[in-house]
Amino acid sequence: FTCLFLDTDRALVLLEEYCKKLRKPEEQQLKKAIRKVMGIFKSSLFQALLGSFTEKATRHGTISHPSLPAAVAYDVLGCPKD
């Protein structure tokens, strides 16, 4: 349960570091998308959904070590998941 919140914090740190490197004009759309993901991770709605998801998954024994923040980032940025 706690590991997913730590994954979110780690994802935010990594996204922020990556964002700082995006300075070229052609990278600004990517930077905007990353900032959108960061806003989602920081939102109270996302945190509530994350808490609900991990609580249910833990209760049902279906949680192994998913990285929900990474999955959201892939979906928002349109990146392949492999």
PDB file of N, CA and C in Angstrom:
ATOM      1  N   PHE A   1       0.833  -1.193   0.000  1.00  0.00           N
ATOM      2  CA  PHE A   1       0.000   0.000   0.000  1.00  0.00           C
ATOM      3  C   PHE A   1       0.873   1.250   0.000  1.00  0.00           C
ATOM      4  N   THR A   2       1.818   1.327   0.892  1.00  0.00           N
ATOM      5  CA  THR A   2       2.686   2.488   0.983  1.00  0.00           C
ATOM      6  C   THR A   2       3.617   2.589  -0.214  1.00  0.00           C
ATOM      7  N   CYS A   3       4.004   1.441  -0.792  1.00  0.00           N
ATOM      8  CA  CYS A   3       4.967   1.484  -1.902  1.00  0.00           C
ATOM      9  C   CYS A   3       4.423   2.253  -3.098  1.00  0.00           C
ATOM     10  N   LEU A   4       3.103   2.224  -3.327  1.00  0.00           N
ATOM     11  CA  LEU A   4       2.560   2.966  -4.461  1.00  0.00           C
ATOM     12  C   LEU A   4       2.639   4.466  -4.240  1.00  0.00           C
ATOM     13  N   PHE A   5       2.464   4.900  -2.987  1.00  0.00           N
ATOM     14  CA  PHE A   5       2.603   6.326  -2.709  1.00  0.00           C
ATOM     15  C   PHE A   5       4.056   6.748  -2.892  1.00  0.00           C
ATOM     16  N   LEU A   6       4.986   5.878  -2.512  1.00  0.00           N
ATOM     17  CA  LEU A   6       6.399   6.174  -2.714  1.00  0.00           C
ATOM     18  C   LEU A   6       6.731   6.180  -4.197  1.00  0.00           C
ATOM     19  N   ASP A   7       6.097   5.276  -4.965  1.00  0.00           N
ATOM     20  CA  ASP A   7       6.282   5.268  -6.414  1.00  0.00           C
ATOM     21  C   ASP A   7       5.828   6.597  -7.013  1.00  0.00           C
ATOM     22  N   THR A   8       4.731   7.128  -6.493  1.00  0.00           N
ATOM     23  CA  THR A   8       4.220   8.408  -6.981  1.00  0.00           C
ATOM     24  C   THR A   8       5.211   9.521  -6.687  1.00  0.00           C
ATOM     25  N   ASP A   9       5.716   9.549  -5.469  1.00  0.00           N
ATOM     26  CA  ASP A   9       6.707  10.567  -5.107  1.00  0.00           C
ATOM     27  C   ASP A   9       7.954  10.453  -5.978  1.00  0.00           C
ATOM     28  N   ARG A  10       8.414   9.247  -6.188  1.00  0.00           N
ATOM     29  CA  ARG A  10       9.604   9.019  -7.019  1.00  0.00           C
ATOM     30  C   ARG A  10       9.330   9.430  -8.466  1.00  0.00           C
ATOM     31  N   ALA A  11       8.150   9.096  -8.959  1.00  0.00           N
ATOM     32  CA  ALA A  11       7.789   9.473 -10.326  1.00  0.00           C
ATOM     33  C   ALA A  11       7.776  10.989 -10.480  1.00  0.00           C
ATOM     34  N   LEU A  12       7.260  11.694  -9.469  1.00  0.00           N
ATOM     35  CA  LEU A  12       7.234  13.153  -9.518  1.00  0.00           C
ATOM     36  C   LEU A  12       8.642  13.739  -9.558  1.00  0.00           C
ATOM     37  N   VAL A  13       9.528  13.180  -8.762  1.00  0.00           N
ATOM     38  CA  VAL A  13      10.916  13.649  -8.747  1.00  0.00           C
ATOM     39  C   VAL A  13      11.558  13.431 -10.115  1.00  0.00           C
ATOM     40  N   LEU A  14      11.380  12.246 -10.669  1.00  0.00           N
ATOM     41  CA  LEU A  14      11.983  11.933 -11.969  1.00  0.00           C
ATOM     42  C   LEU A  14      11.395  12.789 -13.086  1.00  0.00           C
ATOM     43  N   LEU A  15      10.088  12.992 -13.051  1.00  0.00           N
ATOM     44  CA  LEU A  15       9.456  13.825 -14.073  1.00  0.00           C
ATOM     45  C   LEU A  15       9.936  15.268 -13.984  1.00  0.00           C
ATOM     46  N   GLU A  16      10.076  15.776 -12.766  1.00  0.00           N
ATOM     47  CA  GLU A  16      10.560  17.144 -12.581  1.00  0.00           C
ATOM     48  C   GLU A  16      11.982  17.294 -13.110  1.00  0.00           C
ATOM     49  N   GLU A  17      12.837  16.319 -12.804  1.00  0.00           N
ATOM     50  CA  GLU A  17      14.218  16.351 -13.293  1.00  0.00           C
ATOM     51  C   GLU A  17      14.254  16.322 -14.814  1.00  0.00           C
ATOM     52  N   TYR A  18      13.428  15.489 -15.404  1.00  0.00           N
ATOM     53  CA  TYR A  18      13.387  15.382 -16.858  1.00  0.00           C
ATOM     54  C   TYR A  18      12.867  16.679 -17.483  1.00  0.00           C
ATOM     55  N   CYS A  19      11.841  17.255 -16.854  1.00  0.00           N
ATOM     56  CA  CYS A  19      11.250  18.509 -17.350  1.00  0.00           C
ATOM     57  C   CYS A  19      12.286  19.626 -17.421  1.00  0.00           C
ATOM     58  N   LYS A  20      13.167  19.666 -16.451  1.00  0.00           N
ATOM     59  CA  LYS A  20      14.195  20.714 -16.407  1.00  0.00           C
ATOM     60  C   LYS A  20      15.136  20.632 -17.613  1.00  0.00           C
ATOM     61  N   LYS A  21      15.248  19.447 -18.186  1.00  0.00           N
ATOM     62  CA  LYS A  21      16.148  19.254 -19.327  1.00  0.00           C
ATOM     63  C   LYS A  21      15.499  19.630 -20.659  1.00  0.00           C
ATOM     64  N   LEU A  22      14.208  19.818 -20.659  1.00  0.00           N
ATOM     65  CA  LEU A  22      13.484  20.113 -21.891  1.00  0.00           C
ATOM     66  C   LEU A  22      13.455  21.619 -22.122  1.00  0.00           C
ATOM     67  N   ARG A  23      14.350  22.090 -22.971  1.00  0.00           N
ATOM     68  CA  ARG A  23      14.489  23.533 -23.203  1.00  0.00           C
ATOM     69  C   ARG A  23      14.256  23.930 -24.658  1.00  0.00           C
ATOM     70  N   LYS A  24      14.392  22.993 -25.565  1.00  0.00           N
ATOM     71  CA  LYS A  24      14.234  23.307 -26.983  1.00  0.00           C
ATOM     72  C   LYS A  24      12.764  23.578 -27.303  1.00  0.00           C
ATOM     73  N   PRO A  25      12.519  24.439 -28.283  1.00  0.00           N
ATOM     74  CA  PRO A  25      11.128  24.745 -28.656  1.00  0.00           C
ATOM     75  C   PRO A  25      10.313  23.504 -29.031  1.00  0.00           C
ATOM     76  N   GLU A  26      10.955  22.571 -29.716  1.00  0.00           N
ATOM     77  CA  GLU A  26      10.225  21.362 -30.132  1.00  0.00           C
ATOM     78  C   GLU A  26       9.921  20.414 -28.968  1.00  0.00           C
ATOM     79  N   GLU A  27      10.502  20.659 -27.814  1.00  0.00           N
ATOM     80  CA  GLU A  27      10.263  19.818 -26.634  1.00  0.00           C
ATOM     81  C   GLU A  27       9.183  20.385 -25.711  1.00  0.00           C
ATOM     82  N   GLN A  28       8.650  21.534 -26.057  1.00  0.00           N
ATOM     83  CA  GLN A  28       7.702  22.203 -25.164  1.00  0.00           C
ATOM     84  C   GLN A  28       6.364  21.469 -25.058  1.00  0.00           C
ATOM     85  N   GLN A  29       5.939  20.809 -26.122  1.00  0.00           N
ATOM     86  CA  GLN A  29       4.697  20.027 -26.061  1.00  0.00           C
ATOM     87  C   GLN A  29       4.872  18.851 -25.099  1.00  0.00           C
ATOM     88  N   LEU A  30       6.012  18.193 -25.149  1.00  0.00           N
ATOM     89  CA  LEU A  30       6.309  17.104 -24.234  1.00  0.00           C
ATOM     90  C   LEU A  30       6.359  17.622 -22.797  1.00  0.00           C
ATOM     91  N   LYS A  31       7.008  18.764 -22.612  1.00  0.00           N
ATOM     92  CA  LYS A  31       7.108  19.365 -21.278  1.00  0.00           C
ATOM     93  C   LYS A  31       5.718  19.662 -20.724  1.00  0.00           C
ATOM     94  N   LYS A  32       4.834  20.159 -21.572  1.00  0.00           N
ATOM     95  CA  LYS A  32       3.456  20.455 -21.162  1.00  0.00           C
ATOM     96  C   LYS A  32       2.730  19.171 -20.740  1.00  0.00           C
ATOM     97  N   ALA A  33       2.919  18.107 -21.499  1.00  0.00           N
ATOM     98  CA  ALA A  33       2.287  16.822 -21.172  1.00  0.00           C
ATOM     99  C   ALA A  33       2.819  16.262 -19.851  1.00  0.00           C
ATOM    100  N   ILE A  34       4.113  16.395 -19.637  1.00  0.00           N
ATOM    101  CA  ILE A  34       4.716  15.915 -18.386  1.00  0.00           C
ATOM    102  C   ILE A  34       4.180  16.712 -17.209  1.00  0.00           C
ATOM    103  N   ARG A  35       4.053  18.005 -17.369  1.00  0.00           N
ATOM    104  CA  ARG A  35       3.503  18.835 -16.290  1.00  0.00           C
ATOM    105  C   ARG A  35       2.047  18.445 -16.002  1.00  0.00           C
ATOM    106  N   LYS A  36       1.320  18.047 -17.036  1.00  0.00           N
ATOM    107  CA  LYS A  36      -0.055  17.578 -16.858  1.00  0.00           C
ATOM    108  C   LYS A  36      -0.072  16.303 -16.005  1.00  0.00           C
ATOM    109  N   VAL A  37       0.815  15.389 -16.300  1.00  0.00           N
ATOM    110  CA  VAL A  37       0.925  14.151 -15.517  1.00  0.00           C
ATOM    111  C   VAL A  37       1.277  14.474 -14.068  1.00  0.00           C
ATOM    112  N   MET A  38       2.209  15.400 -13.883  1.00  0.00           N
ATOM    113  CA  MET A  38       2.615  15.785 -12.536  1.00  0.00           C
ATOM    114  C   MET A  38       1.431  16.363 -11.760  1.00  0.00           C
ATOM    115  N   GLY A  39       0.632  17.159 -12.433  1.00  0.00           N
ATOM    116  CA  GLY A  39      -0.554  17.723 -11.794  1.00  0.00           C
ATOM    117  C   GLY A  39      -1.536  16.644 -11.383  1.00  0.00           C
ATOM    118  N   ILE A  40      -1.671  15.633 -12.224  1.00  0.00           N
ATOM    119  CA  ILE A  40      -2.555  14.506 -11.901  1.00  0.00           C
ATOM    120  C   ILE A  40      -2.044  13.774 -10.674  1.00  0.00           C
ATOM    121  N   PHE A  41      -0.747  13.484 -10.639  1.00  0.00           N
ATOM    122  CA  PHE A  41      -0.168  12.767  -9.498  1.00  0.00           C
ATOM    123  C   PHE A  41      -0.339  13.542  -8.197  1.00  0.00           C
ATOM    124  N   LYS A  42      -0.287  14.871  -8.275  1.00  0.00           N
ATOM    125  CA  LYS A  42      -0.387  15.706  -7.082  1.00  0.00           C
ATOM    126  C   LYS A  42      -1.832  15.937  -6.631  1.00  0.00           C
ATOM    127  N   SER A  43      -2.784  15.632  -7.492  1.00  0.00           N
ATOM    128  CA  SER A  43      -4.182  15.932  -7.178  1.00  0.00           C
ATOM    129  C   SER A  43      -4.717  15.054  -6.053  1.00  0.00           C
ATOM    130  N   SER A  44      -5.624  15.628  -5.291  1.00  0.00           N
ATOM    131  CA  SER A  44      -6.240  14.873  -4.190  1.00  0.00           C
ATOM    132  C   SER A  44      -7.100  13.743  -4.745  1.00  0.00           C
ATOM    133  N   LEU A  45      -7.694  13.942  -5.923  1.00  0.00           N
ATOM    134  CA  LEU A  45      -8.493  12.886  -6.532  1.00  0.00           C
ATOM    135  C   LEU A  45      -7.621  11.676  -6.862  1.00  0.00           C
ATOM    136  N   PHE A  46      -6.466  11.903  -7.475  1.00  0.00           N
ATOM    137  CA  PHE A  46      -5.563  10.803  -7.806  1.00  0.00           C
ATOM    138  C   PHE A  46      -5.118  10.071  -6.539  1.00  0.00           C
ATOM    139  N   GLN A  47      -4.752  10.834  -5.512  1.00  0.00           N
ATOM    140  CA  GLN A  47      -4.314  10.224  -4.260  1.00  0.00           C
ATOM    141  C   GLN A  47      -5.425   9.393  -3.639  1.00  0.00           C
ATOM    142  N   ALA A  48      -6.657   9.878  -3.701  1.00  0.00           N
ATOM    143  CA  ALA A  48      -7.791   9.128  -3.161  1.00  0.00           C
ATOM    144  C   ALA A  48      -8.030   7.852  -3.964  1.00  0.00           C
ATOM    145  N   LEU A  49      -7.973   7.969  -5.282  1.00  0.00           N
ATOM    146  CA  LEU A  49      -8.153   6.783  -6.131  1.00  0.00           C
ATOM    147  C   LEU A  49      -7.031   5.773  -5.915  1.00  0.00           C
ATOM    148  N   LEU A  50      -5.834   6.259  -5.768  1.00  0.00           N
ATOM    149  CA  LEU A  50      -4.691   5.393  -5.518  1.00  0.00           C
ATOM    150  C   LEU A  50      -4.867   4.651  -4.200  1.00  0.00           C
ATOM    151  N   GLY A  51      -5.290   5.369  -3.178  1.00  0.00           N
ATOM    152  CA  GLY A  51      -5.531   4.749  -1.877  1.00  0.00           C
ATOM    153  C   GLY A  51      -6.621   3.700  -1.947  1.00  0.00           C
ATOM    154  N   SER A  52      -7.705   4.007  -2.649  1.00  0.00           N
ATOM    155  CA  SER A  52      -8.815   3.067  -2.798  1.00  0.00           C
ATOM    156  C   SER A  52      -8.382   1.830  -3.584  1.00  0.00           C
ATOM    157  N   PHE A  53      -7.662   2.052  -4.669  1.00  0.00           N
ATOM    158  CA  PHE A  53      -7.176   0.953  -5.502  1.00  0.00           C
ATOM    159  C   PHE A  53      -6.261   0.018  -4.714  1.00  0.00           C
ATOM    160  N   THR A  54      -5.303   0.585  -4.023  1.00  0.00           N
ATOM    161  CA  THR A  54      -4.346  -0.256  -3.303  1.00  0.00           C
ATOM    162  C   THR A  54      -4.995  -0.974  -2.143  1.00  0.00           C
ATOM    163  N   GLU A  55      -5.952  -0.322  -1.499  1.00  0.00           N
ATOM    164  CA  GLU A  55      -6.663  -0.971  -0.385  1.00  0.00           C
ATOM    165  C   GLU A  55      -7.437  -2.187  -0.886  1.00  0.00           C
ATOM    166  N   LYS A  56      -8.178  -2.023  -1.983  1.00  0.00           N
ATOM    167  CA  LYS A  56      -8.949  -3.133  -2.543  1.00  0.00           C
ATOM    168  C   LYS A  56      -8.040  -4.231  -3.077  1.00  0.00           C
ATOM    169  N   ALA A  57      -6.998  -3.855  -3.782  1.00  0.00           N
ATOM    170  CA  ALA A  57      -6.085  -4.842  -4.356  1.00  0.00           C
ATOM    171  C   ALA A  57      -5.365  -5.622  -3.262  1.00  0.00           C
ATOM    172  N   THR A  58      -4.976  -4.940  -2.188  1.00  0.00           N
ATOM    173  CA  THR A  58      -4.307  -5.608  -1.078  1.00  0.00           C
ATOM    174  C   THR A  58      -5.265  -6.574  -0.400  1.00  0.00           C
ATOM    175  N   ARG A  59      -6.494  -6.127  -0.195  1.00  0.00           N
ATOM    176  CA  ARG A  59      -7.508  -6.952   0.463  1.00  0.00           C
ATOM    177  C   ARG A  59      -7.780  -8.222  -0.342  1.00  0.00           C
ATOM    178  N   HIS A  60      -7.787  -8.109  -1.665  1.00  0.00           N
ATOM    179  CA  HIS A  60      -8.080  -9.259  -2.527  1.00  0.00           C
ATOM    180  C   HIS A  60      -6.834 -10.038  -2.924  1.00  0.00           C
ATOM    181  N   GLY A  61      -5.678  -9.581  -2.475  1.00  0.00           N
ATOM    182  CA  GLY A  61      -4.434 -10.280  -2.776  1.00  0.00           C
ATOM    183  C   GLY A  61      -4.006 -10.178  -4.218  1.00  0.00           C
ATOM    184  N   THR A  62      -4.490  -9.169  -4.917  1.00  0.00           N
ATOM    185  CA  THR A  62      -4.142  -9.047  -6.334  1.00  0.00           C
ATOM    186  C   THR A  62      -3.018  -8.072  -6.591  1.00  0.00           C
ATOM    187  N   ILE A  63      -2.493  -7.475  -5.543  1.00  0.00           N
ATOM    188  CA  ILE A  63      -1.426  -6.495  -5.731  1.00  0.00           C
ATOM    189  C   ILE A  63      -0.078  -7.190  -5.575  1.00  0.00           C
ATOM    190  N   SER A  64       0.770  -7.057  -6.545  1.00  0.00           N
ATOM    191  CA  SER A  64       2.108  -7.635  -6.436  1.00  0.00           C
ATOM    192  C   SER A  64       3.103  -6.503  -6.244  1.00  0.00           C
ATOM    193  N   HIS A  65       3.241  -5.641  -7.188  1.00  0.00           N
ATOM    194  CA  HIS A  65       4.034  -4.415  -7.055  1.00  0.00           C
ATOM    195  C   HIS A  65       3.804  -3.577  -8.300  1.00  0.00           C
ATOM    196  N   PRO A  66       2.543  -3.228  -8.541  1.00  0.00           N
ATOM    197  CA  PRO A  66       2.276  -2.442  -9.739  1.00  0.00           C
ATOM    198  C   PRO A  66       2.784  -1.025  -9.578  1.00  0.00           C
ATOM    199  N   SER A  67       3.100  -0.427 -10.663  1.00  0.00           N
ATOM    200  CA  SER A  67       3.474   0.975 -10.624  1.00  0.00           C
ATOM    201  C   SER A  67       2.371   1.760 -11.316  1.00  0.00           C
ATOM    202  N   LEU A  68       1.314   2.030 -10.566  1.00  0.00           N
ATOM    203  CA  LEU A  68       0.189   2.770 -11.110  1.00  0.00           C
ATOM    204  C   LEU A  68       0.608   4.135 -11.635  1.00  0.00           C
ATOM    205  N   PRO A  69       1.456   4.885 -10.922  1.00  0.00           N
ATOM    206  CA  PRO A  69       1.883   6.166 -11.478  1.00  0.00           C
ATOM    207  C   PRO A  69       2.555   6.035 -12.846  1.00  0.00           C
ATOM    208  N   ALA A  70       3.359   5.015 -13.012  1.00  0.00           N
ATOM    209  CA  ALA A  70       4.018   4.806 -14.304  1.00  0.00           C
ATOM    210  C   ALA A  70       2.984   4.483 -15.376  1.00  0.00           C
ATOM    211  N   ALA A  71       1.994   3.670 -15.031  1.00  0.00           N
ATOM    212  CA  ALA A  71       0.955   3.325 -15.994  1.00  0.00           C
ATOM    213  C   ALA A  71       0.181   4.567 -16.428  1.00  0.00           C
ATOM    214  N   VAL A  72      -0.128   5.435 -15.486  1.00  0.00           N
ATOM    215  CA  VAL A  72      -0.827   6.680 -15.820  1.00  0.00           C
ATOM    216  C   VAL A  72       0.050   7.546 -16.709  1.00  0.00           C
ATOM    217  N   ALA A  73       1.328   7.639 -16.376  1.00  0.00           N
ATOM    218  CA  ALA A  73       2.248   8.443 -17.187  1.00  0.00           C
ATOM    219  C   ALA A  73       2.306   7.909 -18.616  1.00  0.00           C
ATOM    220  N   TYR A  74       2.382   6.594 -18.766  1.00  0.00           N
ATOM    221  CA  TYR A  74       2.415   6.010 -20.098  1.00  0.00           C
ATOM    222  C   TYR A  74       1.145   6.364 -20.874  1.00  0.00           C
ATOM    223  N   ASP A  75      -0.015   6.254 -20.199  1.00  0.00           N
ATOM    224  CA  ASP A  75      -1.279   6.539 -20.874  1.00  0.00           C
ATOM    225  C   ASP A  75      -1.377   8.010 -21.273  1.00  0.00           C
ATOM    226  N   VAL A  76      -1.046   8.907 -20.371  1.00  0.00           N
ATOM    227  CA  VAL A  76      -1.168  10.340 -20.654  1.00  0.00           C
ATOM    228  C   VAL A  76      -0.186  10.770 -21.740  1.00  0.00           C
ATOM    229  N   LEU A  77       1.026  10.251 -21.673  1.00  0.00           N
ATOM    230  CA  LEU A  77       2.051  10.628 -22.648  1.00  0.00           C
ATOM    231  C   LEU A  77       1.957   9.835 -23.936  1.00  0.00           C
ATOM    232  N   GLY A  78       1.140   8.756 -23.937  1.00  0.00           N
ATOM    233  CA  GLY A  78       0.989   7.941 -25.137  1.00  0.00           C
ATOM    234  C   GLY A  78       2.204   7.099 -25.443  1.00  0.00           C
ATOM    235  N   CYS A  79       2.926   6.688 -24.402  1.00  0.00           N
ATOM    236  CA  CYS A  79       4.130   5.880 -24.582  1.00  0.00           C
ATOM    237  C   CYS A  79       3.787   4.392 -24.587  1.00  0.00           C
ATOM    238  N   PRO A  80       4.573   3.584 -25.288  1.00  0.00           N
ATOM    239  CA  PRO A  80       4.375   2.132 -25.220  1.00  0.00           C
ATOM    240  C   PRO A  80       4.714   1.632 -23.816  1.00  0.00           C
ATOM    241  N   LYS A  81       4.023   0.583 -23.378  1.00  0.00           N
ATOM    242  CA  LYS A  81       4.188   0.082 -22.014  1.00  0.00           C
ATOM    243  C   LYS A  81       5.278  -0.958 -21.863  1.00  0.00           C
ATOM    244  N   ASP A  82       5.987  -1.329 -22.923  1.00  0.00           N
ATOM    245  CA  ASP A  82       7.064  -2.315 -22.748  1.00  0.00           C
ATOM    246  C   ASP A  82       8.406  -1.727 -22.658  1.00  0.00           C
TER     247      ASP A  82
END
